[in-house]
């Protein structure tokens, strides 16, 4: 069972904060520190988006990625990222990431999916915006599918874990508040939990309020470790 601490945009464009988030993720039991790579002005709409300037501020450069990967290597946690365009997949390949992540919003981007297929590396795929009966296939790549509800935050009553077959889904990308849903998913057979991570829920930014804190990550990790003892 592994825990992915989704730092995403929660570094707020501050690389010192990003470093602290990586260290805290490792110290509190996460196996992976995950980021998001995008060209903000291409990915995010300016219209009806109060966070547009924030989105632009949190865009990571190639140098940022190299530095963050180095920090992850130093502390002993896997660096992972969702790349939202083909150029940034090449950035990740240049630092030799172990695997790639496809965000829910990207699974219908055929150009991106084809570029990921060419890497031949394992891929994690969130299915929050996938409505077809059959799961998507990315060439011959090894794929782990993550159950996901694309609501931010997701009310617990909308998650319906009792209907999820974790022999089909490897894990759960959780956007609910707190760790109750993540713990329930682990108990039902999920072997991967991905969840947003912050040092302080009161920080400025769209994802902090719904993210888990270091204390919550520590509690989730302890629950995971106790479950392993029981199995």
Protein backbone atom coordinates (compact mmCIF):
# COMPACT_ATOMS: atom_id res chain seq x y z
CA UNK A 1 0.00 0.00 0.00
CA UNK A 2 1.46 3.34 -0.99
CA UNK A 3 0.54 6.94 -0.29
CA UNK A 4 1.04 9.69 -2.85
CA UNK A 5 1.24 13.16 -1.33
CA UNK A 6 -0.14 15.38 -4.09
CA UNK A 7 1.67 18.67 -3.58
CA UNK A 8 0.31 19.93 -6.89
CA UNK A 9 0.06 23.72 -6.73
CA UNK A 10 0.32 23.87 -2.94
CA UNK A 11 3.92 25.10 -3.13
CA UNK A 12 2.36 28.45 -4.17
CA UNK A 13 5.25 29.11 -6.52
CA UNK A 14 7.72 29.15 -3.60
CA UNK A 15 10.49 26.58 -4.01
CA UNK A 16 11.44 26.77 -0.33
CA UNK A 17 7.85 25.83 0.54
CA UNK A 18 8.06 23.02 -2.03
CA UNK A 19 11.21 21.74 -0.32
CA UNK A 20 9.49 21.81 3.07
CA UNK A 21 6.49 19.95 1.64
CA UNK A 22 8.74 17.21 0.25
CA UNK A 23 10.54 16.79 3.58
CA UNK A 24 7.26 16.75 5.51
CA UNK A 25 5.71 14.23 3.12
CA UNK A 26 8.64 11.91 3.69
CA UNK A 27 8.71 12.44 7.46
CA UNK A 28 5.00 11.66 7.79
CA UNK A 29 4.91 8.45 5.80
CA UNK A 30 4.26 9.29 2.15
CA UNK A 31 5.96 7.16 -0.50
CA UNK A 32 5.65 9.70 -3.31
CA UNK A 33 5.77 13.50 -3.58
CA UNK A 34 3.76 14.53 -6.63
CA UNK A 35 3.65 17.78 -8.59
CA UNK A 36 1.83 19.18 -11.63
CA UNK A 37 3.58 20.42 -14.78
CA UNK A 38 1.79 22.80 -17.12
CA UNK A 39 2.03 25.92 -19.22
CA UNK A 40 -0.53 27.86 -17.22
CA UNK A 41 -1.74 30.23 -19.93
CA UNK A 42 -2.49 27.28 -22.20
CA UNK A 43 -4.10 25.02 -19.59
CA UNK A 44 -6.14 27.45 -17.50
CA UNK A 45 -8.83 29.82 -18.68
CA UNK A 46 -8.59 33.47 -17.71
CA UNK A 47 -12.37 33.84 -17.98
CA UNK A 48 -14.38 33.10 -14.83
CA UNK A 49 -11.21 31.86 -13.12
CA UNK A 50 -10.37 33.81 -9.95
CA UNK A 51 -7.22 31.72 -9.58
CA UNK A 52 -5.67 32.51 -12.97
CA UNK A 53 -2.81 34.65 -11.63
CA UNK A 54 -2.18 32.03 -8.94
CA UNK A 55 -2.11 29.29 -11.60
CA UNK A 56 0.52 31.27 -13.50
CA UNK A 57 2.58 31.81 -10.35
CA UNK A 58 2.63 28.07 -9.62
CA UNK A 59 3.92 27.07 -13.08
CA UNK A 60 7.13 25.07 -12.64
CA UNK A 61 10.13 25.51 -14.91
CA UNK A 62 12.38 22.73 -16.14
CA UNK A 63 15.02 23.89 -13.65
CA UNK A 64 12.43 23.74 -10.84
CA UNK A 65 11.68 20.13 -11.77
CA UNK A 66 15.34 19.18 -11.76
CA UNK A 67 15.81 20.79 -8.34
CA UNK A 68 12.69 19.19 -6.84
CA UNK A 69 13.69 15.78 -8.16
CA UNK A 70 17.11 16.21 -6.58
CA UNK A 71 15.52 17.03 -3.22
CA UNK A 72 13.30 13.94 -3.46
CA UNK A 73 16.33 11.78 -4.21
CA UNK A 74 18.18 13.25 -1.22
CA UNK A 75 15.37 12.53 1.25
CA UNK A 76 14.44 9.14 -0.25
CA UNK A 77 10.96 9.75 -1.65
CA UNK A 78 9.80 9.14 -5.22
CA UNK A 79 9.31 12.22 -7.38
CA UNK A 80 6.21 12.05 -9.58
CA UNK A 81 4.31 14.54 -11.69
CA UNK A 82 1.30 14.90 -13.94
CA UNK A 83 2.49 16.48 -17.18
CA UNK A 84 -0.20 18.31 -19.11
CA UNK A 85 1.64 18.56 -22.44
CA UNK A 86 4.13 16.58 -24.50
CA UNK A 87 7.06 18.93 -23.89
CA UNK A 88 6.82 18.42 -20.15
CA UNK A 89 6.72 14.64 -20.55
CA UNK A 90 10.18 15.03 -22.09
CA UNK A 91 11.29 16.98 -19.00
CA UNK A 92 10.24 14.06 -16.83
CA UNK A 93 11.96 11.56 -19.08
CA UNK A 94 15.16 13.63 -18.86
CA UNK A 95 15.25 13.14 -15.08
CA UNK A 96 14.29 9.47 -15.52
CA UNK A 97 11.10 9.34 -13.49
CA UNK A 98 10.00 5.87 -12.46
CA UNK A 99 6.46 6.28 -13.85
CA UNK A 100 3.99 8.86 -15.09
CA UNK A 101 0.61 10.11 -13.87
CA UNK A 102 -2.38 11.08 -16.02
CA UNK A 103 -4.78 13.53 -14.41
CA UNK A 104 -8.51 13.00 -14.90
CA UNK A 105 -8.76 16.01 -17.20
CA UNK A 106 -5.99 14.68 -19.49
CA UNK A 107 -7.18 11.16 -20.27
CA UNK A 108 -9.01 12.32 -23.43
CA UNK A 109 -5.91 14.16 -24.73
CA UNK A 110 -4.84 11.68 -27.41
CA UNK A 111 -1.59 13.48 -28.21
CA UNK A 112 -0.54 13.36 -24.57
CA UNK A 113 -1.58 9.71 -24.18
CA UNK A 114 0.38 8.70 -27.28
CA UNK A 115 3.49 10.46 -25.95
CA UNK A 116 3.15 8.62 -22.66
CA UNK A 117 2.80 5.32 -24.51
CA UNK A 118 6.12 5.93 -26.23
CA UNK A 119 7.93 6.12 -22.89
CA UNK A 120 7.03 2.49 -22.17
CA UNK A 121 6.91 3.31 -18.46
CA UNK A 122 4.15 2.45 -15.97
CA UNK A 123 1.30 4.96 -15.83
CA UNK A 124 -1.17 5.87 -13.11
CA UNK A 125 -4.49 7.04 -14.52
CA UNK A 126 -7.17 8.91 -12.59
CA UNK A 127 -10.62 8.15 -14.00
CA UNK A 128 -12.62 11.05 -12.57
CA UNK A 129 -13.66 12.19 -16.06
CA UNK A 130 -13.84 8.79 -17.77
CA UNK A 131 -17.44 7.77 -18.47
CA UNK A 132 -16.95 4.74 -20.71
CA UNK A 133 -17.49 1.17 -19.53
CA UNK A 134 -14.07 -0.08 -20.64
CA UNK A 135 -10.99 1.48 -19.05
CA UNK A 136 -8.55 3.34 -21.34
CA UNK A 137 -5.47 1.50 -22.57
CA UNK A 138 -2.13 3.22 -23.11
CA UNK A 139 -0.34 0.94 -25.59
CA UNK A 140 1.53 -1.80 -23.74
CA UNK A 141 2.29 0.29 -20.67
CA UNK A 142 1.60 -1.12 -17.23
CA UNK A 143 -1.40 0.84 -15.94
CA UNK A 144 -2.78 1.43 -12.45
CA UNK A 145 -6.27 2.91 -12.49
CA UNK A 146 -7.34 5.23 -9.68
CA UNK A 147 -10.98 5.65 -8.73
CA UNK A 148 -11.72 9.35 -8.54
CA UNK A 149 -14.61 11.77 -8.18
CA UNK A 150 -13.86 15.09 -9.87
CA UNK A 151 -15.47 17.36 -7.30
CA UNK A 152 -13.32 19.69 -5.22
CA UNK A 153 -13.88 18.97 -2.43
CA UNK A 154 -15.86 15.72 -2.79
CA UNK A 155 -18.65 15.24 -0.22
CA UNK A 156 -18.29 11.87 1.50
CA UNK A 157 -21.83 10.93 0.48
CA UNK A 158 -20.82 11.18 -3.20
CA UNK A 159 -17.90 8.73 -3.06
CA UNK A 160 -19.87 5.43 -2.96
CA UNK A 161 -16.90 3.18 -2.18
CA UNK A 162 -19.23 0.21 -1.73
CA UNK A 163 -19.71 0.25 -5.51
CA UNK A 164 -15.97 0.27 -6.30
CA UNK A 165 -14.25 -2.96 -7.30
CA UNK A 166 -10.65 -2.63 -6.15
CA UNK A 167 -9.67 -5.67 -8.19
CA UNK A 168 -10.21 -3.38 -11.20
CA UNK A 169 -9.07 -0.12 -9.66
CA UNK A 170 -5.62 -0.19 -8.07
CA UNK A 171 -6.31 2.78 -5.86
CA UNK A 172 -8.21 5.93 -5.00
CA UNK A 173 -7.45 9.56 -5.84
CA UNK A 174 -9.23 11.26 -2.96
CA UNK A 175 -10.51 14.83 -3.05
CA UNK A 176 -12.60 14.70 0.11
CA UNK A 177 -11.83 16.61 3.31
CA UNK A 178 -10.13 14.56 6.01
CA UNK A 179 -8.79 11.01 5.74
CA UNK A 180 -11.94 8.98 6.42
CA UNK A 181 -12.54 8.14 2.75
CA UNK A 182 -8.89 7.24 2.19
CA UNK A 183 -8.91 4.89 5.19
CA UNK A 184 -12.16 3.32 3.99
CA UNK A 185 -10.66 2.77 0.53
CA UNK A 186 -7.60 1.05 2.01
CA UNK A 187 -9.87 -1.16 4.09
CA UNK A 188 -11.80 -2.12 0.96
CA UNK A 189 -8.67 -3.14 -0.95
CA UNK A 190 -7.12 -0.02 -2.49
CA UNK A 191 -3.34 -0.30 -2.67
CA UNK A 192 -2.66 3.32 -3.71
CA UNK A 193 -4.00 6.48 -2.09
CA UNK A 194 -3.37 9.82 -3.77
CA UNK A 195 -4.37 12.90 -1.80
CA UNK A 196 -3.52 16.61 -1.83
CA UNK A 197 -1.03 17.67 0.82
CA UNK A 198 -0.38 21.01 2.53
CA UNK A 199 1.48 22.33 5.55
CA UNK A 200 -1.39 24.67 6.44
CA UNK A 201 -5.00 24.51 5.24
CA UNK A 202 -5.38 28.27 5.74
CA UNK A 203 -2.75 29.13 3.10
CA UNK A 204 -3.81 31.07 0.03
CA UNK A 205 -4.67 28.82 -2.91
CA UNK A 206 -7.56 26.71 -4.25
CA UNK A 207 -6.35 23.32 -2.97
CA UNK A 208 -5.07 23.97 0.56
CA UNK A 209 -8.42 23.81 2.37
CA UNK A 210 -9.22 20.33 1.02
CA UNK A 211 -5.71 18.93 1.47
CA UNK A 212 -4.40 16.71 4.24
CA UNK A 213 -2.02 18.20 6.78
CA UNK A 214 1.18 16.54 8.03
CA UNK A 215 -0.74 15.26 11.06
CA UNK A 216 -3.45 13.76 8.84
CA UNK A 217 -0.83 12.20 6.56
CA UNK A 218 0.86 10.72 9.61
CA UNK A 219 -2.46 9.28 10.79
CA UNK A 220 -3.20 7.86 7.34
CA UNK A 221 0.26 6.31 7.19
CA UNK A 222 -0.19 4.78 10.65
CA UNK A 223 -3.57 3.35 9.59
CA UNK A 224 -1.93 1.89 6.47
CA UNK A 225 0.90 0.34 8.50
CA UNK A 226 -1.51 -1.13 11.05
CA UNK A 227 -3.55 -2.65 8.22
CA UNK A 228 -0.43 -4.33 6.87
CA UNK A 229 0.11 -5.91 10.28
CA UNK A 230 -3.43 -7.28 10.24
CA UNK A 231 -3.22 -8.90 6.80
